[in-house]
Amino acid sequence: MRMLFAAAVCLAIVSPQVAASVESRRENRSVRIINVVDDFLAYHKACAEADASTRAAKWKTMIEDRYPRFFADVIYRKLDGAALARHKKWCFDEFWEKVAPEITALAKANRGIADRILAVQKDFRTQFPDFRAETDFYVTVAFSFKGKVDTIRTGLTKGSDGKTAKTEKKVFALALEQFLAAGPEVEITIAHEMFHLLHFQTFSIKGALYRTLWAEGLASYASAVVVGGHRLTTYLGFEGKKIDLCHKMLPVLAADLKKHMGQTDRRRRRVYFGAEANDTKVPPEAGYYVGFLMVSSLAKTHAMKDLARMPSKQVYKIVASELDRLAKVSK
C-alpha cells in the first residue's frame, strides 16, 4: 500500500574584538553563541556604496580577520592554494549577488536567534538529558550549507611520547541566510545538528557509507522528536513530489545502499547526501529519506539514547537488516 509520507507526521514518537576573544566569549553558557551575522550586517552597511576593491579589503578586515579559524576551517573548508582562492571569490560574489539584496530580511531573522537556539537546547535536553554542548555555536552566512557540525583546528600539543599533534574542537555552524522565510526549519536544523554533537562523541562518520546513513538518519529523526508536529517534507526539506519519488524508488534505493554500505565511496555518498543534482536516477539527498524511515522503525523498539550509543559493529548489522527490509517494501 502506498504511504503518503508528505502527509502530516504525528510525532508523539519515541521522536563564533579579535579572533581569540570573539571565539571564546560567553563562557558561562553551555552553548556559546557567536553571531557572525552581526559582522556581515556591519560589513554590508560599511560597503554597500563602496567599490569592489574597498569591499574586498574590508571583507578581510571586518569578516575574515575576526574569525580566522572559523573561516579557514568551516566556511573555506580547510582548502588551500588555488582552490582556496576560487572558493573565497565565490563566497564574496555570492554575498553581494544573493545575500546583499536580502539584507533586511537577514537582519530580521537575526533578531532573537540566540533565544531560539537556547529554546531548542532546552527541548533537546528533555529528550536527551545527557547532552552537553561544550562548544561554540556560530550563527553565520555560510553560502554552501544550512547547518553543520565541523572541526576547527585550535593549535598544536606535544604528547607524552614527545610527538606534536594538531588539536581541534567540534563547532556548530548555522547558515542564517538559508532561513529567511517564516517556519520551523531553523529549529529543526538546530535540533538535527545538536544530535550530531551528541552522537559524534562516540560515533564517527568517517569511513564506509553505512556510517553516514546511520548518523543522518538518527539526526533527521531526532529533529522530529525534539520539534514535533510537522510533515516529513518539513523535516527533510523536501517538496512533496520529491518525497513521492523517493517512496516510489525506495526498494531500489535501499537495495543499492545495502550493496555498497560497507564501501568508502565518496561519489556515492555525495549522490545520496548531496543537495546538488547528480548523474544518476537517485534523487538528491535521498539518503536522508531512507535513513529517516530506517530509524523511525527502530525507534519503536529502541530508545533513541540507546541508538545514539550503539557500537559500530552492531550498527552495521542493524543497518544491513533494515535496508533488507526496506528493499522489500511494496511500492
Protein backbone atom coordinates (compact mmCIF):
# COMPACT_ATOMS: atom_id res chain seq x y z
CA MET A 1 0.00 0.00 0.00
CA ARG A 2 1.40 3.33 -0.99
CA MET A 3 2.13 5.51 2.02
CA LEU A 4 1.64 9.27 1.67
CA PHE A 5 4.64 10.44 3.66
CA ALA A 6 4.05 14.05 2.65
CA ALA A 7 1.00 13.97 4.90
CA ALA A 8 1.29 15.21 8.46
CA VAL A 9 3.55 13.04 10.58
CA CYS A 10 2.13 12.52 14.03
CA LEU A 11 5.21 12.67 16.16
CA ALA A 12 4.30 11.66 19.57
CA ILE A 13 7.15 9.36 18.70
CA VAL A 14 9.80 7.92 20.88
CA SER A 15 10.88 11.35 18.33
CA PRO A 16 31.75 32.08 16.73
CA GLN A 17 37.42 42.44 19.32
CA VAL A 18 39.86 39.97 17.90
CA ALA A 19 39.52 36.41 16.95
CA ALA A 20 40.72 34.92 20.23
CA SER A 21 38.29 36.95 22.35
CA VAL A 22 35.34 36.68 19.97
CA GLU A 23 35.67 32.96 19.58
CA SER A 24 35.75 32.32 23.34
CA ARG A 25 33.10 34.71 24.67
CA ARG A 26 30.03 33.74 26.68
CA GLU A 27 31.96 31.05 28.50
CA ASN A 28 29.26 30.99 31.18
CA ARG A 29 26.76 29.41 28.81
CA SER A 30 26.76 25.74 27.97
CA VAL A 31 26.02 26.86 24.40
CA ARG A 32 28.38 29.69 23.43
CA ILE A 33 26.63 31.61 20.68
CA ILE A 34 28.94 33.56 18.39
CA ASN A 35 27.00 35.78 16.00
CA VAL A 36 28.95 36.34 12.79
CA VAL A 37 25.81 37.68 11.10
CA ASP A 38 26.24 40.87 13.16
CA ASP A 39 29.60 41.33 11.44
CA PHE A 40 28.16 40.64 7.98
CA LEU A 41 25.47 43.25 8.63
CA ALA A 42 28.09 45.80 9.74
CA TYR A 43 30.20 44.93 6.70
CA HIS A 44 27.27 45.46 4.35
CA LYS A 45 26.46 48.82 5.95
CA ALA A 46 30.09 49.96 5.55
CA CYS A 47 30.46 48.71 1.97
CA ALA A 48 27.04 48.96 0.31
CA GLU A 49 28.13 52.01 -1.71
CA ALA A 50 31.83 51.11 -1.91
CA ASP A 51 33.82 49.99 -4.93
CA ALA A 52 34.98 46.42 -5.44
CA SER A 53 38.50 46.94 -4.10
CA THR A 54 37.20 48.51 -0.89
CA ARG A 55 34.69 45.71 -0.47
CA ALA A 56 37.44 43.12 -0.89
CA ALA A 57 39.76 44.86 1.59
CA LYS A 58 37.06 45.25 4.22
CA TRP A 59 35.93 41.64 3.70
CA LYS A 60 39.31 40.66 5.11
CA THR A 61 39.44 43.15 8.00
CA MET A 62 35.76 43.13 9.01
CA ILE A 63 34.96 39.46 8.43
CA GLU A 64 37.84 37.02 7.95
CA ASP A 65 40.32 38.55 10.42
CA ARG A 66 37.75 38.47 13.20
CA TYR A 67 37.18 34.72 12.93
CA PRO A 68 40.28 33.32 11.17
CA ARG A 69 39.98 29.75 12.41
CA PHE A 70 36.26 29.53 11.72
CA PHE A 71 36.57 30.89 8.17
CA ALA A 72 39.63 28.81 7.29
CA ASP A 73 38.21 25.54 8.54
CA VAL A 74 34.42 25.79 8.18
CA ILE A 75 33.47 28.43 5.61
CA TYR A 76 36.56 27.86 3.45
CA ARG A 77 36.55 24.08 4.05
CA LYS A 78 40.25 23.81 5.01
CA LEU A 79 41.15 24.48 1.37
CA ASP A 80 44.46 25.98 0.29
CA GLY A 81 46.19 27.32 -2.80
CA ALA A 82 44.18 27.90 -5.95
CA ALA A 83 41.16 26.01 -4.60
CA LEU A 84 41.01 28.34 -1.59
CA ALA A 85 41.29 31.43 -3.80
CA ARG A 86 38.45 30.22 -6.02
CA HIS A 87 36.19 29.42 -3.07
CA LYS A 88 36.88 32.77 -1.37
CA LYS A 89 35.95 34.61 -4.57
CA TRP A 90 32.80 32.53 -4.90
CA CYS A 91 31.73 33.34 -1.32
CA PHE A 92 32.45 37.06 -1.85
CA ASP A 93 30.42 37.09 -5.08
CA GLU A 94 27.58 35.11 -3.50
CA PHE A 95 27.32 37.65 -0.69
CA TRP A 96 27.00 40.66 -2.97
CA GLU A 97 24.85 38.96 -5.60
CA LYS A 98 22.46 36.94 -3.42
CA VAL A 99 22.74 37.83 0.25
CA ALA A 100 23.03 41.63 0.00
CA PRO A 101 19.64 42.01 -1.75
CA GLU A 102 18.07 40.16 1.20
CA ILE A 103 19.97 42.06 3.92
CA THR A 104 16.83 43.47 5.57
CA ALA A 105 15.30 40.00 5.85
CA LEU A 106 18.61 38.66 7.17
CA ALA A 107 18.71 41.34 9.87
CA LYS A 108 15.14 40.46 10.86
CA ALA A 109 15.92 36.74 11.06
CA ASN A 110 18.99 37.55 13.17
CA ARG A 111 16.93 39.24 15.87
CA GLY A 112 16.25 36.74 18.63
CA ILE A 113 18.22 33.90 17.05
CA ALA A 114 20.15 33.26 20.27
CA ASP A 115 16.90 32.77 22.18
CA ARG A 116 15.66 30.35 19.52
CA ILE A 117 18.85 28.29 19.81
CA LEU A 118 18.58 28.17 23.60
CA ALA A 119 14.90 27.19 23.41
CA VAL A 120 15.75 24.24 21.15
CA GLN A 121 18.55 23.27 23.51
CA LYS A 122 16.07 23.17 26.38
CA ASP A 123 13.68 20.93 24.45
CA PHE A 124 16.60 18.80 23.25
CA ARG A 125 17.74 18.14 26.80
CA THR A 126 14.25 16.99 27.69
CA GLN A 127 14.70 14.15 25.20
CA PHE A 128 18.47 13.70 25.69
CA PRO A 129 19.31 14.64 29.30
CA ASP A 130 22.99 13.73 28.95
CA PHE A 131 23.52 16.30 26.15
CA ARG A 132 26.30 18.76 26.94
CA ALA A 133 27.15 21.27 24.21
CA GLU A 134 30.54 22.39 25.43
CA THR A 135 31.35 24.05 22.14
CA ASP A 136 30.72 27.19 20.07
CA PHE A 137 27.56 27.76 18.05
CA TYR A 138 28.31 30.09 15.12
CA VAL A 139 25.38 31.95 13.56
CA THR A 140 26.72 33.00 10.20
CA VAL A 141 26.33 33.45 6.48
CA ALA A 142 27.77 30.22 5.12
CA PHE A 143 26.90 30.16 1.38
CA SER A 144 27.16 26.41 0.85
CA PHE A 145 25.25 24.70 3.67
CA LYS A 146 22.34 25.18 6.06
CA GLY A 147 23.82 23.76 9.22
CA LYS A 148 26.77 21.55 10.03
CA VAL A 149 28.96 20.17 12.77
CA ASP A 150 32.60 20.66 11.79
CA THR A 151 36.04 20.89 13.38
CA ILE A 152 38.25 23.93 13.95
CA ARG A 153 41.97 23.48 14.36
CA THR A 154 42.95 25.03 17.70
CA GLY A 155 46.73 24.58 17.74
CA LEU A 156 49.43 22.03 18.47
CA THR A 157 50.10 19.91 21.52
CA LYS A 158 53.03 17.69 22.49
CA GLY A 159 52.18 14.28 23.81
CA SER A 160 53.96 12.19 26.41
CA ASP A 161 55.81 10.46 23.59
CA GLY A 162 57.29 13.80 22.50
CA LYS A 163 55.36 13.88 19.25
CA THR A 164 53.49 17.03 18.24
CA ALA A 165 49.90 16.72 17.08
CA LYS A 166 47.24 19.12 15.87
CA THR A 167 44.38 19.81 18.28
CA GLU A 168 40.87 20.63 17.22
CA LYS A 169 37.36 21.07 18.56
CA LYS A 170 33.90 20.49 17.17
CA VAL A 171 31.71 23.51 16.45
CA PHE A 172 28.22 24.01 15.08
CA ALA A 173 27.52 26.50 12.29
CA LEU A 174 24.05 27.72 11.31
CA ALA A 175 23.72 29.47 7.92
CA LEU A 176 21.05 32.05 8.71
CA GLU A 177 20.64 33.25 5.11
CA GLN A 178 19.05 29.88 4.40
CA PHE A 179 16.18 30.56 6.82
CA LEU A 180 14.66 33.90 5.83
CA ALA A 181 11.14 32.53 5.41
CA ALA A 182 8.98 32.01 8.48
CA GLY A 183 8.62 28.45 9.67
CA PRO A 184 10.11 25.77 11.91
CA GLU A 185 13.01 24.85 9.63
CA VAL A 186 15.61 26.76 11.66
CA GLU A 187 14.61 24.94 14.86
CA ILE A 188 14.60 21.61 13.02
CA THR A 189 18.12 22.24 11.68
CA ILE A 190 19.37 23.26 15.12
CA ALA A 191 17.97 20.08 16.66
CA HIS A 192 19.45 17.98 13.83
CA GLU A 193 22.94 19.40 14.42
CA MET A 194 22.63 19.20 18.21
CA PHE A 195 22.05 15.49 17.79
CA HIS A 196 25.20 15.25 15.70
CA LEU A 197 27.12 16.95 18.54
CA LEU A 198 25.81 14.30 20.91
CA HIS A 199 26.24 11.36 18.56
CA PHE A 200 29.73 12.28 17.32
CA GLN A 201 31.06 11.98 20.87
CA THR A 202 31.02 8.23 20.36
CA PHE A 203 30.49 7.63 16.63
CA SER A 204 32.43 8.72 13.54
CA ILE A 205 31.02 9.12 10.03
CA LYS A 206 34.48 8.70 8.51
CA GLY A 207 34.71 5.51 6.51
CA ALA A 208 32.04 3.35 4.96
CA LEU A 209 28.73 4.62 3.60
CA TYR A 210 26.61 2.99 6.31
CA ARG A 211 28.11 5.40 8.86
CA THR A 212 26.72 8.46 7.10
CA LEU A 213 23.37 6.79 6.56
CA TRP A 214 23.14 5.92 10.24
CA ALA A 215 24.24 9.35 11.52
CA GLU A 216 21.97 11.32 9.21
CA GLY A 217 19.01 9.02 9.73
CA LEU A 218 19.33 9.37 13.50
CA ALA A 219 19.75 13.16 13.38
CA SER A 220 16.82 13.61 11.00
CA TYR A 221 14.57 11.53 13.19
CA ALA A 222 15.83 13.22 16.38
CA SER A 223 14.85 16.61 14.95
CA ALA A 224 11.32 15.28 14.63
CA VAL A 225 11.40 14.04 18.21
CA VAL A 226 12.54 17.44 19.53
CA VAL A 227 10.49 19.68 17.19
CA GLY A 228 7.32 17.66 16.83
CA GLY A 229 4.13 18.02 14.84
CA HIS A 230 5.33 18.73 11.30
CA ARG A 231 5.29 16.99 7.94
CA LEU A 232 8.09 14.76 6.76
CA THR A 233 8.62 17.23 3.91
CA THR A 234 9.44 19.88 6.55
CA TYR A 235 11.85 17.67 8.49
CA LEU A 236 13.75 16.69 5.35
CA GLY A 237 13.32 19.99 3.46
CA PHE A 238 11.82 18.09 0.50
CA GLU A 239 8.96 19.05 -1.77
CA GLY A 240 6.04 16.63 -1.85
CA LYS A 241 6.96 15.38 -5.34
CA LYS A 242 10.46 14.54 -4.12
CA ILE A 243 9.08 12.55 -1.19
CA ASP A 244 6.77 10.67 -3.56
CA LEU A 245 9.66 9.87 -5.91
CA CYS A 246 11.82 8.65 -3.01
CA HIS A 247 8.98 6.42 -1.84
CA LYS A 248 8.40 5.03 -5.32
CA MET A 249 12.12 4.24 -5.61
CA LEU A 250 12.52 3.02 -2.01
CA PRO A 251 13.18 -0.68 -2.78
CA VAL A 252 15.82 0.27 -5.37
CA LEU A 253 17.42 2.89 -3.11
CA ALA A 254 17.56 0.52 -0.14
CA ALA A 255 18.99 -2.32 -2.21
CA ASP A 256 21.68 -0.07 -3.70
CA LEU A 257 22.62 1.29 -0.27
CA LYS A 258 22.79 -2.26 1.10
CA LYS A 259 25.05 -3.36 -1.74
CA HIS A 260 27.53 -0.51 -1.16
CA MET A 261 27.07 0.20 2.56
CA GLY A 262 30.46 -1.24 3.54
CA GLN A 263 32.38 0.75 0.93
CA THR A 264 34.13 4.09 1.34
CA ASP A 265 32.74 5.62 -1.83
CA ARG A 266 32.81 9.43 -1.79
CA ARG A 267 30.93 9.73 -5.05
CA ARG A 268 28.06 7.53 -3.95
CA ARG A 269 27.99 9.29 -0.56
CA ARG A 270 27.57 12.60 -2.40
CA VAL A 271 24.85 11.17 -4.63
CA TYR A 272 22.80 10.12 -1.61
CA PHE A 273 23.53 13.04 0.72
CA GLY A 274 24.47 15.96 -1.53
CA ALA A 275 21.85 18.60 -2.38
CA GLU A 276 23.12 19.13 -5.92
CA ALA A 277 21.81 17.29 -8.97
CA ASN A 278 23.73 14.15 -9.89
CA ASP A 279 24.16 12.00 -12.98
CA THR A 280 22.14 9.08 -11.58
CA LYS A 281 18.45 8.47 -11.10
CA VAL A 282 18.83 8.82 -7.32
CA PRO A 283 17.02 11.94 -6.06
CA PRO A 284 19.47 14.35 -4.36
CA GLU A 285 19.60 13.79 -0.59
CA ALA A 286 17.58 10.57 -0.84
CA GLY A 287 19.81 9.05 1.83
CA TYR A 288 18.14 11.26 4.44
CA TYR A 289 14.77 9.83 3.46
CA VAL A 290 15.94 6.23 3.69
CA GLY A 291 17.72 6.93 6.97
CA PHE A 292 14.65 8.57 8.48
CA LEU A 293 12.45 5.59 7.63
CA MET A 294 15.02 3.19 8.99
CA VAL A 295 15.33 4.98 12.34
CA SER A 296 11.61 5.64 12.68
CA SER A 297 11.09 1.88 12.57
CA LEU A 298 13.90 1.12 15.02
CA ALA A 299 12.65 3.78 17.46
CA LYS A 300 9.51 1.70 18.03
CA THR A 301 11.58 -0.89 19.87
CA HIS A 302 14.75 1.01 20.85
CA ALA A 303 15.24 4.16 22.92
CA MET A 304 16.93 6.94 20.96
CA LYS A 305 19.61 7.28 23.63
CA ASP A 306 20.48 3.62 23.07
CA LEU A 307 20.58 4.01 19.29
CA ALA A 308 22.85 7.04 19.74
CA ARG A 309 25.34 4.97 21.76
CA MET A 310 25.20 1.79 19.69
CA PRO A 311 28.68 0.32 18.87
CA SER A 312 29.77 0.40 15.23
CA LYS A 313 29.70 -3.38 14.74
CA GLN A 314 26.14 -3.55 15.97
CA VAL A 315 25.21 -0.53 13.83
CA TYR A 316 26.50 -2.29 10.72
CA LYS A 317 24.32 -5.32 11.36
CA ILE A 318 21.18 -3.37 12.18
CA VAL A 319 21.57 -1.08 9.15
CA ALA A 320 22.01 -4.11 6.90
CA SER A 321 18.87 -5.70 8.33
CA GLU A 322 16.80 -2.52 7.94
CA LEU A 323 17.95 -1.98 4.36
CA ASP A 324 16.95 -5.54 3.52
CA ARG A 325 13.52 -4.86 5.00
CA LEU A 326 13.06 -1.57 3.13
CA ALA A 327 14.19 -3.18 -0.13
CA LYS A 328 11.17 -5.45 0.16
CA VAL A 329 8.61 -2.67 0.86
CA SER A 330 5.79 -2.77 -1.66
CA LYS A 331 5.53 0.25 -3.92
